[in-house]
Amino acid sequence: MGWLISVLINAVLFIALAGYFPGLHVDSFLAAITASLVLSVLNVLVKPVLVILTLPITMISLGLFLFVINAVTLLMTDSIMGRSFEIESFGLALIIAIAMSVVNMVLQVTVLRKV
């Protein structure tokens, strides 16, 4: 149940961030849900491999390199989704990754612990 809520929160977050950043294009709420599902699958399958491969630089940067890994998974989601979900640049993907991490952290601390 918590996973489904997280997917829906990320979909709403994609729609909200698309309103703030003109470089993020989301066709519809269905495209946002699909992108959120693709991102969650990539986070389960690809992200652990990337974290292990980049462990030394992640330790040197005190964990800040994880934002870069999140941006890479967002760009992978963009390439899988095609034209219905697009991110223009790596810099924008990095900003979106930071924003999503902050919002998800706040929601986990406040809302999801009560559910």
Protein backbone atom coordinates (compact mmCIF):
# COMPACT_ATOMS: atom_id res chain seq x y z
CA MET A 1 0.00 0.00 0.00
CA GLY A 2 2.83 2.38 0.81
CA TRP A 3 4.41 1.72 -2.60
CA LEU A 4 1.18 2.63 -4.40
CA ILE A 5 0.86 5.85 -2.41
CA SER A 6 4.47 6.68 -3.26
CA VAL A 7 3.81 6.11 -6.97
CA LEU A 8 0.77 8.39 -6.86
CA ILE A 9 2.67 11.07 -4.94
CA ASN A 10 5.47 10.98 -7.51
CA ALA A 11 2.92 11.25 -10.34
CA VAL A 12 1.34 14.31 -8.74
CA LEU A 13 4.82 15.70 -8.17
CA PHE A 14 5.68 15.23 -11.85
CA ILE A 15 2.57 17.19 -12.83
CA ALA A 16 3.35 19.95 -10.31
CA LEU A 17 6.99 20.24 -11.36
CA ALA A 18 5.96 20.36 -15.03
CA GLY A 19 4.02 23.50 -14.16
CA TYR A 20 7.09 25.13 -12.63
CA PHE A 21 9.74 24.04 -15.11
CA PRO A 22 9.09 24.56 -18.83
CA GLY A 23 11.76 21.97 -19.67
CA LEU A 24 9.71 19.17 -18.08
CA HIS A 25 6.87 18.00 -20.30
CA VAL A 26 4.18 15.58 -19.12
CA ASP A 27 1.29 14.87 -21.50
CA SER A 28 -1.32 13.70 -19.00
CA PHE A 29 -1.85 12.31 -15.54
CA LEU A 30 -1.76 8.81 -17.02
CA ALA A 31 1.66 9.60 -18.51
CA ALA A 32 2.77 10.85 -15.08
CA ILE A 33 1.58 7.63 -13.41
CA THR A 34 3.33 5.54 -16.06
CA ALA A 35 6.53 7.56 -15.64
CA SER A 36 6.29 7.12 -11.89
CA LEU A 37 5.90 3.36 -12.30
CA VAL A 38 8.87 3.22 -14.70
CA LEU A 39 10.94 5.28 -12.27
CA SER A 40 10.07 2.98 -9.38
CA VAL A 41 11.08 -0.10 -11.42
CA LEU A 42 14.36 1.59 -12.35
CA ASN A 43 14.92 2.47 -8.70
CA VAL A 44 14.54 -1.20 -7.79
CA LEU A 45 16.57 -2.71 -10.64
CA VAL A 46 19.15 -0.16 -11.83
CA LYS A 47 19.74 2.23 -8.93
CA PRO A 48 21.40 -0.34 -6.60
CA VAL A 49 23.89 -1.24 -9.33
CA LEU A 50 24.68 2.44 -9.93
CA VAL A 51 25.09 3.05 -6.20
CA ILE A 52 27.55 0.17 -5.86
CA LEU A 53 29.52 1.22 -8.95
CA THR A 54 29.81 4.82 -7.75
CA LEU A 55 30.33 4.08 -4.07
CA PRO A 56 33.78 5.73 -3.79
CA ILE A 57 32.65 9.04 -5.29
CA THR A 58 29.44 8.88 -3.23
CA MET A 59 31.48 8.51 -0.06
CA ILE A 60 33.85 11.33 -1.05
CA SER A 61 30.91 13.64 -1.77
CA LEU A 62 29.23 12.62 1.52
CA GLY A 63 26.25 11.17 -0.32
CA LEU A 64 25.53 14.14 -2.56
CA PHE A 65 26.36 12.06 -5.64
CA LEU A 66 23.12 10.15 -4.99
CA PHE A 67 21.30 13.17 -6.46
CA VAL A 68 23.26 12.60 -9.68
CA ILE A 69 22.22 8.94 -9.66
CA ASN A 70 18.60 10.00 -9.18
CA ALA A 71 18.95 12.42 -12.11
CA VAL A 72 20.35 9.61 -14.27
CA THR A 73 17.37 7.38 -13.41
CA LEU A 74 15.04 10.27 -14.31
CA LEU A 75 16.77 10.60 -17.67
CA MET A 76 16.44 6.83 -18.17
CA THR A 77 12.73 7.19 -17.46
CA ASP A 78 12.62 9.96 -20.06
CA SER A 79 14.25 7.74 -22.67
CA ILE A 80 11.91 4.83 -21.92
CA MET A 81 8.73 6.94 -21.91
CA GLY A 82 9.28 8.67 -25.22
CA ARG A 83 7.34 11.84 -26.07
CA SER A 84 4.75 11.66 -23.29
CA PHE A 85 7.36 12.44 -20.59
CA GLU A 86 10.38 14.57 -21.46
CA ILE A 87 13.18 16.25 -19.53
CA GLU A 88 15.25 18.68 -21.60
CA SER A 89 18.64 18.57 -19.87
CA PHE A 90 20.72 16.89 -17.21
CA GLY A 91 20.70 20.07 -15.12
CA LEU A 92 16.92 20.09 -15.06
CA ALA A 93 16.89 16.39 -14.18
CA LEU A 94 19.22 17.15 -11.27
CA ILE A 95 16.94 19.94 -10.01
CA ILE A 96 13.90 17.68 -10.33
CA ALA A 97 15.74 14.87 -8.50
CA ILE A 98 16.58 17.21 -5.62
CA ALA A 99 13.01 18.53 -5.46
CA MET A 100 11.55 15.02 -5.52
CA SER A 101 13.94 13.86 -2.80
CA VAL A 102 13.03 16.77 -0.53
CA VAL A 103 9.27 16.36 -1.04
CA ASN A 104 9.41 12.58 -0.57
CA MET A 105 11.49 12.98 2.58
CA VAL A 106 9.05 15.49 4.07
CA LEU A 107 6.06 13.35 3.17
CA GLN A 108 7.64 10.22 4.62
CA VAL A 109 8.37 11.97 7.89
CA THR A 110 4.95 13.60 8.24
CA VAL A 111 2.29 11.70 6.32
CA LEU A 112 3.40 8.18 5.47
CA ARG A 113 4.49 7.30 8.99
CA LYS A 114 0.93 7.87 10.19
CA VAL A 115 -0.57 5.60 7.52
